[in-house]
Amino acid sequence: MLSHYEILYWLKFAIVKIIGITMFRKIRNHIAKNTTEKNELKQQKHKKSWNGIKNDRKQRKKTKH
Protein backbone atom coordinates (compact mmCIF):
# COMPACT_ATOMS: atom_id res chain seq x y z
CA MET A 1 0.00 0.00 0.00
CA LEU A 2 1.29 3.43 -0.92
CA SER A 3 1.65 5.92 1.88
CA HIS A 4 -0.06 9.32 1.89
CA TYR A 5 3.11 11.15 0.81
CA GLU A 6 3.87 8.77 -2.05
CA ILE A 7 0.36 9.25 -3.44
CA LEU A 8 0.76 13.04 -3.30
CA TYR A 9 4.18 12.78 -4.95
CA TRP A 10 2.87 10.72 -7.87
CA LEU A 11 -0.16 13.00 -8.28
CA LYS A 12 2.11 16.06 -8.46
CA PHE A 13 4.42 14.24 -10.87
CA ALA A 14 1.51 13.29 -13.16
CA ILE A 15 -0.01 16.80 -13.14
CA VAL A 16 3.33 18.49 -13.86
CA LYS A 17 4.05 16.02 -16.66
CA ILE A 18 0.62 16.58 -18.29
CA ILE A 19 0.97 20.37 -18.05
CA GLY A 20 4.49 20.19 -19.45
CA ILE A 21 3.46 18.09 -22.45
CA THR A 22 0.47 20.30 -23.29
CA MET A 23 2.56 23.48 -23.04
CA PHE A 24 5.26 21.92 -25.23
CA ARG A 25 2.66 21.01 -27.87
CA LYS A 26 1.11 24.48 -27.79
CA ILE A 27 4.48 26.19 -28.17
CA ARG A 28 5.53 23.80 -30.95
CA ASN A 29 2.27 24.39 -32.85
CA HIS A 30 2.63 28.15 -32.39
CA ILE A 31 6.17 28.07 -33.79
CA ALA A 32 5.03 25.88 -36.71
CA LYS A 33 2.21 28.31 -37.55
CA ASN A 34 4.57 31.28 -37.46
CA THR A 35 7.09 29.62 -39.75
CA THR A 36 4.43 28.60 -42.29
CA GLU A 37 2.99 32.13 -42.29
CA LYS A 38 6.45 33.62 -42.82
CA ASN A 39 7.16 31.20 -45.67
CA GLU A 40 3.83 32.05 -47.33
CA LEU A 41 4.62 35.76 -47.06
CA LYS A 42 8.05 35.19 -48.62
CA GLN A 43 6.44 33.25 -51.49
CA GLN A 44 3.88 36.02 -52.07
CA LYS A 45 6.62 38.66 -52.13
CA HIS A 46 8.64 36.58 -54.56
CA LYS A 47 5.59 36.14 -56.85
CA LYS A 48 4.86 39.87 -56.76
CA SER A 49 8.44 40.83 -57.58
CA TRP A 50 8.65 38.21 -60.35
CA ASN A 51 5.35 39.40 -61.84
CA GLY A 52 6.69 42.95 -61.72
CA ILE A 53 9.83 41.88 -63.61
CA LYS A 54 7.72 40.03 -66.22
CA ASN A 55 5.47 43.06 -66.70
CA ASP A 56 8.49 45.35 -67.09
CA ARG A 57 9.87 43.10 -69.81
CA LYS A 58 6.52 43.09 -71.62
CA GLN A 59 6.36 46.88 -71.44
CA ARG A 60 9.91 47.24 -72.76
CA LYS A 61 9.14 44.94 -75.69
CA LYS A 62 6.01 46.94 -76.53
CA THR A 63 7.78 50.30 -76.39
CA LYS A 64 10.74 49.19 -78.54
CA HIS A 65 8.61 48.18 -81.54
PDB file of N, CA and C in Angstrom:
ATOM      1  N   MET A   1       0.852  -1.203   0.000  1.00  0.00           N
ATOM      2  CA  MET A   1       0.000   0.000   0.000  1.00  0.00           C
ATOM      3  C   MET A   1       0.884   1.248   0.000  1.00  0.00           C
ATOM      4  N   LEU A   2       0.536   2.190  -0.861  1.00  0.00           N
ATOM      5  CA  LEU A   2       1.294   3.431  -0.923  1.00  0.00           C
ATOM      6  C   LEU A   2       0.931   4.323   0.255  1.00  0.00           C
ATOM      7  N   SER A   3       1.925   5.007   0.775  1.00  0.00           N
ATOM      8  CA  SER A   3       1.653   5.922   1.881  1.00  0.00           C
ATOM      9  C   SER A   3       1.053   7.228   1.338  1.00  0.00           C
ATOM     10  N   HIS A   4       0.576   8.044   2.227  1.00  0.00           N
ATOM     11  CA  HIS A   4      -0.063   9.319   1.890  1.00  0.00           C
ATOM     12  C   HIS A   4       0.874  10.200   1.068  1.00  0.00           C
ATOM     13  N   TYR A   5       2.137  10.279   1.493  1.00  0.00           N
ATOM     14  CA  TYR A   5       3.108  11.153   0.809  1.00  0.00           C
ATOM     15  C   TYR A   5       3.461  10.645  -0.585  1.00  0.00           C
ATOM     16  N   GLU A   6       3.565   9.335  -0.723  1.00  0.00           N
ATOM     17  CA  GLU A   6       3.871   8.767  -2.047  1.00  0.00           C
ATOM     18  C   GLU A   6       2.751   9.069  -3.035  1.00  0.00           C
ATOM     19  N   ILE A   7       1.503   8.950  -2.574  1.00  0.00           N
ATOM     20  CA  ILE A   7       0.356   9.249  -3.443  1.00  0.00           C
ATOM     21  C   ILE A   7       0.410  10.708  -3.889  1.00  0.00           C
ATOM     22  N   LEU A   8       0.664  11.619  -2.944  1.00  0.00           N
ATOM     23  CA  LEU A   8       0.762  13.045  -3.295  1.00  0.00           C
ATOM     24  C   LEU A   8       1.891  13.283  -4.283  1.00  0.00           C
ATOM     25  N   TYR A   9       3.027  12.610  -4.069  1.00  0.00           N
ATOM     26  CA  TYR A   9       4.184  12.779  -4.950  1.00  0.00           C
ATOM     27  C   TYR A   9       3.832  12.361  -6.371  1.00  0.00           C
ATOM     28  N   TRP A  10       3.192  11.205  -6.525  1.00  0.00           N
ATOM     29  CA  TRP A  10       2.865  10.718  -7.869  1.00  0.00           C
ATOM     30  C   TRP A  10       1.798  11.572  -8.523  1.00  0.00           C
ATOM     31  N   LEU A  11       0.857  12.090  -7.724  1.00  0.00           N
ATOM     32  CA  LEU A  11      -0.161  12.999  -8.279  1.00  0.00           C
ATOM     33  C   LEU A  11       0.500  14.261  -8.823  1.00  0.00           C
ATOM     34  N   LYS A  12       1.393  14.856  -8.017  1.00  0.00           N
ATOM     35  CA  LYS A  12       2.106  16.055  -8.462  1.00  0.00           C
ATOM     36  C   LYS A  12       2.901  15.761  -9.726  1.00  0.00           C
ATOM     37  N   PHE A  13       3.591  14.638  -9.724  1.00  0.00           N
ATOM     38  CA  PHE A  13       4.415  14.244 -10.871  1.00  0.00           C
ATOM     39  C   PHE A  13       3.560  14.137 -12.129  1.00  0.00           C
ATOM     40  N   ALA A  14       2.395  13.481 -12.011  1.00  0.00           N
ATOM     41  CA  ALA A  14       1.509  13.294 -13.165  1.00  0.00           C
ATOM     42  C   ALA A  14       0.977  14.633 -13.657  1.00  0.00           C
ATOM     43  N   ILE A  15       0.551  15.496 -12.750  1.00  0.00           N
ATOM     44  CA  ILE A  15      -0.009  16.797 -13.135  1.00  0.00           C
ATOM     45  C   ILE A  15       1.052  17.643 -13.837  1.00  0.00           C
ATOM     46  N   VAL A  16       2.257  17.694 -13.261  1.00  0.00           N
ATOM     47  CA  VAL A  16       3.334  18.486 -13.859  1.00  0.00           C
ATOM     48  C   VAL A  16       3.677  17.946 -15.237  1.00  0.00           C
ATOM     49  N   LYS A  17       3.707  16.624 -15.371  1.00  0.00           N
ATOM     50  CA  LYS A  17       4.048  16.018 -16.656  1.00  0.00           C
ATOM     51  C   LYS A  17       2.988  16.362 -17.708  1.00  0.00           C
ATOM     52  N   ILE A  18       1.711  16.271 -17.351  1.00  0.00           N
ATOM     53  CA  ILE A  18       0.618  16.583 -18.290  1.00  0.00           C
ATOM     54  C   ILE A  18       0.694  18.048 -18.712  1.00  0.00           C
ATOM     55  N   ILE A  19       0.888  18.943 -17.737  1.00  0.00           N
ATOM     56  CA  ILE A  19       0.966  20.367 -18.054  1.00  0.00           C
ATOM     57  C   ILE A  19       2.167  20.635 -18.959  1.00  0.00           C
ATOM     58  N   GLY A  20       3.291  20.006 -18.651  1.00  0.00           N
ATOM     59  CA  GLY A  20       4.493  20.187 -19.451  1.00  0.00           C
ATOM     60  C   GLY A  20       4.290  19.758 -20.892  1.00  0.00           C
ATOM     61  N   ILE A  21       3.679  18.603 -21.089  1.00  0.00           N
ATOM     62  CA  ILE A  21       3.457  18.088 -22.448  1.00  0.00           C
ATOM     63  C   ILE A  21       2.516  19.010 -23.219  1.00  0.00           C
ATOM     64  N   THR A  22       1.423  19.444 -22.579  1.00  0.00           N
ATOM     65  CA  THR A  22       0.468  20.303 -23.288  1.00  0.00           C
ATOM     66  C   THR A  22       1.106  21.639 -23.651  1.00  0.00           C
ATOM     67  N   MET A  23       1.901  22.205 -22.738  1.00  0.00           N
ATOM     68  CA  MET A  23       2.561  23.478 -23.041  1.00  0.00           C
ATOM     69  C   MET A  23       3.552  23.302 -24.184  1.00  0.00           C
ATOM     70  N   PHE A  24       4.295  22.197 -24.166  1.00  0.00           N
ATOM     71  CA  PHE A  24       5.261  21.921 -25.228  1.00  0.00           C
ATOM     72  C   PHE A  24       4.560  21.835 -26.571  1.00  0.00           C
ATOM     73  N   ARG A  25       3.417  21.134 -26.609  1.00  0.00           N
ATOM     74  CA  ARG A  25       2.664  21.007 -27.867  1.00  0.00           C
ATOM     75  C   ARG A  25       2.158  22.358 -28.345  1.00  0.00           C
ATOM     76  N   LYS A  26       1.627  23.166 -27.407  1.00  0.00           N
ATOM     77  CA  LYS A  26       1.106  24.483 -27.791  1.00  0.00           C
ATOM     78  C   LYS A  26       2.211  25.353 -28.376  1.00  0.00           C
ATOM     79  N   ILE A  27       3.358  25.361 -27.699  1.00  0.00           N
ATOM     80  CA  ILE A  27       4.477  26.189 -28.171  1.00  0.00           C
ATOM     81  C   ILE A  27       4.942  25.697 -29.529  1.00  0.00           C
ATOM     82  N   ARG A  28       5.058  24.364 -29.684  1.00  0.00           N
ATOM     83  CA  ARG A  28       5.528  23.802 -30.955  1.00  0.00           C
ATOM     84  C   ARG A  28       4.563  24.154 -32.092  1.00  0.00           C
ATOM     85  N   ASN A  29       3.262  24.037 -31.830  1.00  0.00           N
ATOM     86  CA  ASN A  29       2.270  24.390 -32.845  1.00  0.00           C
ATOM     87  C   ASN A  29       2.342  25.871 -33.187  1.00  0.00           C
ATOM     88  N   HIS A  30       2.551  26.703 -32.169  1.00  0.00           N
ATOM     89  CA  HIS A  30       2.632  28.147 -32.385  1.00  0.00           C
ATOM     90  C   HIS A  30       3.828  28.469 -33.279  1.00  0.00           C
ATOM     91  N   ILE A  31       4.973  27.841 -32.985  1.00  0.00           N
ATOM     92  CA  ILE A  31       6.174  28.068 -33.795  1.00  0.00           C
ATOM     93  C   ILE A  31       5.928  27.598 -35.226  1.00  0.00           C
ATOM     94  N   ALA A  32       5.298  26.425 -35.371  1.00  0.00           N
ATOM     95  CA  ALA A  32       5.034  25.883 -36.710  1.00  0.00           C
ATOM     96  C   ALA A  32       4.140  26.831 -37.504  1.00  0.00           C
ATOM     97  N   LYS A  33       3.102  27.370 -36.863  1.00  0.00           N
ATOM     98  CA  LYS A  33       2.206  28.308 -37.552  1.00  0.00           C
ATOM     99  C   LYS A  33       2.963  29.541 -38.007  1.00  0.00           C
ATOM    100  N   ASN A  34       3.808  30.078 -37.109  1.00  0.00           N
ATOM    101  CA  ASN A  34       4.573  31.281 -37.455  1.00  0.00           C
ATOM    102  C   ASN A  34       5.481  31.034 -38.643  1.00  0.00           C
ATOM    103  N   THR A  35       6.159  29.885 -38.648  1.00  0.00           N
ATOM    104  CA  THR A  35       7.095  29.623 -39.748  1.00  0.00           C
ATOM    105  C   THR A  35       6.343  29.451 -41.058  1.00  0.00           C
ATOM    106  N   THR A  36       5.178  28.775 -41.038  1.00  0.00           N
ATOM    107  CA  THR A  36       4.434  28.597 -42.287  1.00  0.00           C
ATOM    108  C   THR A  36       3.921  29.946 -42.790  1.00  0.00           C
ATOM    109  N   GLU A  37       3.462  30.799 -41.875  1.00  0.00           N
ATOM    110  CA  GLU A  37       2.991  32.128 -42.285  1.00  0.00           C
ATOM    111  C   GLU A  37       4.125  32.936 -42.896  1.00  0.00           C
ATOM    112  N   LYS A  38       5.309  32.878 -42.282  1.00  0.00           N
ATOM    113  CA  LYS A  38       6.452  33.617 -42.816  1.00  0.00           C
ATOM    114  C   LYS A  38       6.822  33.102 -44.203  1.00  0.00           C
ATOM    115  N   ASN A  39       6.821  31.774 -44.367  1.00  0.00           N
ATOM    116  CA  ASN A  39       7.165  31.197 -45.670  1.00  0.00           C
ATOM    117  C   ASN A  39       6.156  31.616 -46.732  1.00  0.00           C
ATOM    118  N   GLU A  40       4.863  31.625 -46.370  1.00  0.00           N
ATOM    119  CA  GLU A  40       3.833  32.048 -47.325  1.00  0.00           C
ATOM    120  C   GLU A  40       4.037  33.502 -47.730  1.00  0.00           C
ATOM    121  N   LEU A  41       4.377  34.345 -46.752  1.00  0.00           N
ATOM    122  CA  LEU A  41       4.621  35.760 -47.063  1.00  0.00           C
ATOM    123  C   LEU A  41       5.807  35.903 -48.009  1.00  0.00           C
ATOM    124  N   LYS A  42       6.872  35.136 -47.746  1.00  0.00           N
ATOM    125  CA  LYS A  42       8.047  35.189 -48.624  1.00  0.00           C
ATOM    126  C   LYS A  42       7.664  34.789 -50.043  1.00  0.00           C
ATOM    127  N   GLN A  43       6.863  33.714 -50.172  1.00  0.00           N
ATOM    128  CA  GLN A  43       6.443  33.251 -51.494  1.00  0.00           C
ATOM    129  C   GLN A  43       5.620  34.325 -52.203  1.00  0.00           C
ATOM    130  N   GLN A  44       4.706  34.970 -51.468  1.00  0.00           N
ATOM    131  CA  GLN A  44       3.885  36.018 -52.067  1.00  0.00           C
ATOM    132  C   GLN A  44       4.753  37.171 -52.554  1.00  0.00           C
ATOM    133  N   LYS A  45       5.726  37.571 -51.736  1.00  0.00           N
ATOM    134  CA  LYS A  45       6.619  38.661 -52.129  1.00  0.00           C
ATOM    135  C   LYS A  45       7.384  38.281 -53.386  1.00  0.00           C
ATOM    136  N   HIS A  46       7.876  37.048 -53.413  1.00  0.00           N
ATOM    137  CA  HIS A  46       8.637  36.580 -54.564  1.00  0.00           C
ATOM    138  C   HIS A  46       7.767  36.618 -55.825  1.00  0.00           C
ATOM    139  N   LYS A  47       6.510  36.129 -55.699  1.00  0.00           N
ATOM    140  CA  LYS A  47       5.592  36.138 -56.848  1.00  0.00           C
ATOM    141  C   LYS A  47       5.372  37.565 -57.339  1.00  0.00           C
ATOM    142  N   LYS A  48       5.123  38.472 -56.383  1.00  0.00           N
ATOM    143  CA  LYS A  48       4.862  39.867 -56.761  1.00  0.00           C
ATOM    144  C   LYS A  48       6.057  40.450 -57.496  1.00  0.00           C
ATOM    145  N   SER A  49       7.255  40.234 -56.949  1.00  0.00           N
ATOM    146  CA  SER A  49       8.438  40.832 -57.581  1.00  0.00           C
ATOM    147  C   SER A  49       8.656  40.202 -58.954  1.00  0.00           C
ATOM    148  N   TRP A  50       8.443  38.890 -59.072  1.00  0.00           N
ATOM    149  CA  TRP A  50       8.653  38.214 -60.354  1.00  0.00           C
ATOM    150  C   TRP A  50       7.638  38.696 -61.377  1.00  0.00           C
ATOM    151  N   ASN A  51       6.375  38.869 -60.940  1.00  0.00           N
ATOM    152  CA  ASN A  51       5.352  39.396 -61.842  1.00  0.00           C
ATOM    153  C   ASN A  51       5.713  40.808 -62.290  1.00  0.00           C
ATOM    154  N   GLY A  52       6.264  41.596 -61.378  1.00  0.00           N
ATOM    155  CA  GLY A  52       6.692  42.948 -61.722  1.00  0.00           C
ATOM    156  C   GLY A  52       7.774  42.924 -62.785  1.00  0.00           C
ATOM    157  N   ILE A  53       8.735  42.001 -62.628  1.00  0.00           N
ATOM    158  CA  ILE A  53       9.826  41.877 -63.613  1.00  0.00           C
ATOM    159  C   ILE A  53       9.249  41.473 -64.966  1.00  0.00           C
ATOM    160  N   LYS A  54       8.347  40.497 -64.971  1.00  0.00           N
ATOM    161  CA  LYS A  54       7.721  40.033 -66.224  1.00  0.00           C
ATOM    162  C   LYS A  54       7.005  41.185 -66.913  1.00  0.00           C
ATOM    163  N   ASN A  55       6.230  41.945 -66.135  1.00  0.00           N
ATOM    164  CA  ASN A  55       5.474  43.056 -66.703  1.00  0.00           C
ATOM    165  C   ASN A  55       6.405  44.117 -67.278  1.00  0.00           C
ATOM    166  N   ASP A  56       7.507  44.381 -66.571  1.00  0.00           N
ATOM    167  CA  ASP A  56       8.486  45.350 -67.093  1.00  0.00           C
ATOM    168  C   ASP A  56       9.021  44.892 -68.433  1.00  0.00           C
ATOM    169  N   ARG A  57       9.346  43.627 -68.557  1.00  0.00           N
ATOM    170  CA  ARG A  57       9.872  43.098 -69.812  1.00  0.00           C
ATOM    171  C   ARG A  57       8.851  43.247 -70.938  1.00  0.00           C
ATOM    172  N   LYS A  58       7.587  42.937 -70.613  1.00  0.00           N
ATOM    173  CA  LYS A  58       6.522  43.087 -71.624  1.00  0.00           C
ATOM    174  C   LYS A  58       6.418  44.536 -72.075  1.00  0.00           C
ATOM    175  N   GLN A  59       6.466  45.463 -71.111  1.00  0.00           N
ATOM    176  CA  GLN A  59       6.365  46.882 -71.437  1.00  0.00           C
ATOM    177  C   GLN A  59       7.529  47.325 -72.323  1.00  0.00           C
ATOM    178  N   ARG A  60       8.727  46.867 -71.982  1.00  0.00           N
ATOM    179  CA  ARG A  60       9.907  47.242 -72.762  1.00  0.00           C
ATOM    180  C   ARG A  60       9.780  46.747 -74.199  1.00  0.00           C
ATOM    181  N   LYS A  61       9.303  45.499 -74.346  1.00  0.00           N
ATOM    182  CA  LYS A  61       9.140  44.938 -75.692  1.00  0.00           C
ATOM    183  C   LYS A  61       8.134  45.765 -76.492  1.00  0.00           C
ATOM    184  N   LYS A  62       7.053  46.158 -75.845  1.00  0.00           N
ATOM    185  CA  LYS A  62       6.009  46.943 -76.530  1.00  0.00           C
ATOM    186  C   LYS A  62       6.537  48.308 -76.956  1.00  0.00           C
ATOM    187  N   THR A  63       7.304  48.944 -76.084  1.00  0.00           N
ATOM    188  CA  THR A  63       7.775  50.298 -76.387  1.00  0.00           C
ATOM    189  C   THR A  63       8.867  50.297 -77.466  1.00  0.00           C
ATOM    190  N   LYS A  64       9.664  49.245 -77.537  1.00  0.00           N
ATOM    191  CA  LYS A  64      10.741  49.187 -78.540  1.00  0.00           C
ATOM    192  C   LYS A  64      10.173  49.154 -79.953  1.00  0.00           C
ATOM    193  N   HIS A  65       9.132  48.357 -80.179  1.00  0.00           N
ATOM    194  CA  HIS A  65       8.606  48.181 -81.544  1.00  0.00           C
ATOM    195  C   HIS A  65       7.530  49.210 -81.844  1.00  0.00           C
TER     196      HIS A  65
END
